[in-house]
Amino acid sequence: MTQSKGGVVIAAESPDQGAVNCMMRESDRYFASLYADDENHLLDLGELERPEVTFLVARCDGVIAGFGALVRCEDAQDGPYGELKRIYVPAAMRGMGVGRMLVDALEEAAQSQGLSLLRLETGTLQPEALGLYRAAGYVERGPFGDYPPAEVSLFFEKRLA
C-alpha cells in the first residue's frame, strides 16, 4: 500500500529501521513530557512488529515526516475493529497535512482489511491531535478494550463507509 500526495509518500514499512526508531524515541520523549508513565499507552517496537499491526511511514522528499499504526482488534460485542496507535508527526513537519494524510491512509488500510470501525485513545493535552481526529470525523465514546477511564484520556471511534 502506497499513497502519494503533495510530495508526501505514505507506505507500509518496518518500524525497525534507524530513522524510524530515532523518531519513535523523539515521540516517546514528547508524550513523556505531557503524561505520566501510566497515562501513556504507546506500543513498543516489538508490539509494532506483530502480524496484526500495519505500520505506515510518511516521507517528504525521502525524509520521514511521521508514522502511525493500525492494530487489528476483536471485541465480543462489536466484532473486529481497528485501533489507531502511535500516530506522530514531528514539530518541524506539522502544518503540512501529514497527520491527516496518515489518518486517511490508515483508514484505507483498515478498509482493505475488511474493517469498518476504527477506535483510538488520545490525551487531553494534545489539542492538535484532538482537532485532527474530530475534523476526520471521529466522535467521542467511552473507554474500550483494556483502557481504564482516565482524566487525561479521550476515546474516539469512526464507522467507515
Protein backbone atom coordinates (compact mmCIF):
# COMPACT_ATOMS: atom_id res chain seq x y z
CA MET A 1 0.00 0.00 0.00
CA THR A 2 1.45 3.34 -1.07
CA GLN A 3 -0.18 6.77 -1.20
CA SER A 4 1.32 9.95 -2.58
CA LYS A 5 0.01 13.48 -2.20
CA GLY A 6 1.73 16.84 -2.40
CA GLY A 7 5.24 15.38 -2.27
CA VAL A 8 4.39 13.17 0.71
CA VAL A 9 4.55 9.42 0.15
CA ILE A 10 2.97 7.08 2.70
CA ALA A 11 3.79 3.39 2.61
CA ALA A 12 3.77 0.33 4.84
CA GLU A 13 7.28 -0.12 6.22
CA SER A 14 9.01 -1.92 9.03
CA PRO A 15 9.16 0.09 12.24
CA ASP A 16 12.58 -1.45 12.88
CA GLN A 17 14.80 0.96 10.99
CA GLY A 18 17.21 3.56 12.31
CA ALA A 19 15.46 6.79 11.34
CA VAL A 20 12.05 5.47 12.41
CA ASN A 21 13.47 4.31 15.75
CA CYS A 22 15.04 7.72 16.27
CA MET A 23 11.71 9.44 15.62
CA MET A 24 9.96 6.92 17.86
CA ARG A 25 12.29 7.87 20.71
CA GLU A 26 11.51 11.54 19.94
CA SER A 27 7.78 10.79 20.18
CA ASP A 28 8.34 8.88 23.45
CA ARG A 29 10.06 11.97 24.90
CA TYR A 30 7.24 14.21 23.65
CA PHE A 31 4.50 12.03 25.21
CA ALA A 32 6.53 11.61 28.43
CA SER A 33 6.71 15.43 28.70
CA LEU A 34 2.90 15.55 28.66
CA TYR A 35 1.77 12.47 30.59
CA ALA A 36 2.83 10.22 33.44
CA ASP A 37 4.15 6.77 32.55
CA ASP A 38 0.88 5.04 33.48
CA GLU A 39 -1.03 7.51 31.28
CA ASN A 40 0.98 6.69 28.14
CA HIS A 41 -0.39 3.79 26.10
CA LEU A 42 2.33 3.55 23.46
CA LEU A 43 3.21 0.39 21.59
CA ASP A 44 6.89 -0.50 21.65
CA LEU A 45 8.88 -1.78 18.69
CA GLY A 46 8.15 -5.44 19.42
CA GLU A 47 4.42 -4.77 19.59
CA LEU A 48 4.54 -2.78 16.34
CA GLU A 49 6.09 -5.78 14.57
CA ARG A 50 3.21 -8.15 15.40
CA PRO A 51 1.33 -9.58 12.39
CA GLU A 52 -1.92 -7.79 13.31
CA VAL A 53 -0.22 -4.38 13.03
CA THR A 54 0.10 -2.30 9.87
CA PHE A 55 2.81 0.34 10.32
CA LEU A 56 2.83 3.28 7.91
CA VAL A 57 5.61 5.80 7.37
CA ALA A 58 5.13 9.20 5.72
CA ARG A 59 8.10 10.62 3.83
CA CYS A 60 8.56 14.04 2.29
CA ASP A 61 11.38 14.06 -0.26
CA GLY A 62 12.67 10.86 1.35
CA VAL A 63 12.75 12.35 4.86
CA ILE A 64 10.49 10.74 7.46
CA ALA A 65 7.62 13.13 8.15
CA GLY A 66 5.65 10.92 10.52
CA PHE A 67 4.25 7.48 11.19
CA GLY A 68 1.23 5.66 12.54
CA ALA A 69 -0.08 2.18 13.13
CA LEU A 70 -3.30 0.27 12.67
CA VAL A 71 -3.86 -2.62 15.07
CA ARG A 72 -6.48 -5.21 14.18
CA CYS A 73 -8.53 -5.98 17.31
CA GLU A 74 -11.57 -8.02 18.25
CA ASP A 75 -14.42 -7.07 20.57
CA ALA A 76 -17.02 -9.58 21.77
CA GLN A 77 -19.81 -7.05 21.28
CA ASP A 78 -18.72 -5.22 18.10
CA GLY A 79 -16.55 -7.85 16.42
CA PRO A 80 -13.38 -6.85 14.58
CA TYR A 81 -12.22 -3.25 14.60
CA GLY A 82 -9.03 -1.32 14.04
CA GLU A 83 -7.24 0.81 16.59
CA LEU A 84 -5.11 3.74 15.51
CA LYS A 85 -1.86 3.90 17.50
CA ARG A 86 1.42 5.80 17.62
CA ILE A 87 0.42 8.49 15.14
CA TYR A 88 3.19 11.07 15.32
CA VAL A 89 4.35 13.97 13.20
CA PRO A 90 7.42 15.87 14.45
CA ALA A 91 7.04 19.58 15.13
CA ALA A 92 9.14 20.51 12.07
CA MET A 93 6.70 18.67 9.78
CA ARG A 94 3.44 19.87 11.33
CA GLY A 95 1.14 22.16 9.38
CA MET A 96 1.67 20.30 6.08
CA GLY A 97 -1.32 17.98 6.48
CA VAL A 98 0.84 14.91 7.14
CA GLY A 99 -1.22 13.88 10.16
CA ARG A 100 -4.44 13.92 8.15
CA MET A 101 -2.75 12.03 5.31
CA LEU A 102 -1.62 9.36 7.78
CA VAL A 103 -5.13 9.05 9.24
CA ASP A 104 -6.59 8.77 5.73
CA ALA A 105 -4.02 6.12 4.78
CA LEU A 106 -4.68 4.15 7.99
CA GLU A 107 -8.41 4.27 7.25
CA GLU A 108 -7.74 2.97 3.74
CA ALA A 109 -5.61 0.16 5.20
CA ALA A 110 -8.45 -0.71 7.59
CA GLN A 111 -10.97 -0.88 4.76
CA SER A 112 -8.64 -3.09 2.72
CA GLN A 113 -8.59 -5.46 5.72
CA GLY A 114 -12.39 -5.51 5.88
CA LEU A 115 -12.59 -3.33 9.00
CA SER A 116 -15.47 -0.87 9.17
CA LEU A 117 -14.90 0.50 12.68
CA LEU A 118 -11.87 2.40 13.95
CA ARG A 119 -11.13 3.45 17.52
CA LEU A 120 -8.40 5.40 19.25
CA GLU A 121 -7.29 6.79 22.57
CA THR A 122 -5.54 10.13 22.79
CA GLY A 123 -4.64 12.56 25.51
CA THR A 124 -6.42 15.72 26.55
CA LEU A 125 -3.13 17.69 26.42
CA GLN A 126 -2.80 17.34 22.65
CA PRO A 127 -5.16 19.89 21.10
CA GLU A 128 -3.65 19.34 17.64
CA ALA A 129 -4.46 15.61 17.79
CA LEU A 130 -7.96 16.27 19.11
CA GLY A 131 -8.59 18.72 16.27
CA LEU A 132 -7.25 16.25 13.70
CA TYR A 133 -9.44 13.38 14.84
CA ARG A 134 -12.57 15.50 15.16
CA ALA A 135 -12.00 17.02 11.70
CA ALA A 136 -11.57 13.50 10.29
CA GLY A 137 -15.00 12.51 11.62
CA TYR A 138 -14.09 10.69 14.83
CA VAL A 139 -16.61 11.04 17.66
CA GLU A 140 -16.05 10.69 21.37
CA ARG A 141 -17.03 7.48 23.11
CA GLY A 142 -16.22 5.76 26.38
CA PRO A 143 -13.16 3.63 27.12
CA PHE A 144 -12.77 0.44 25.10
CA GLY A 145 -10.58 -2.64 25.23
CA ASP A 146 -8.29 -2.67 28.26
CA TYR A 147 -8.19 1.11 28.69
CA PRO A 148 -9.28 2.34 32.11
CA PRO A 149 -11.21 5.59 32.41
CA ALA A 150 -8.70 8.39 32.97
CA GLU A 151 -8.89 12.16 33.30
CA VAL A 152 -6.20 12.64 30.65
CA SER A 153 -7.62 10.17 28.10
CA LEU A 154 -10.28 10.71 25.46
CA PHE A 155 -11.63 7.88 23.36
CA PHE A 156 -12.92 8.17 19.81
CA GLU A 157 -14.38 6.00 17.08
CA LYS A 158 -15.41 6.26 13.47
CA ARG A 159 -17.51 3.99 11.29
CA LEU A 160 -16.06 3.72 7.80
CA ALA A 161 -18.35 3.75 4.79
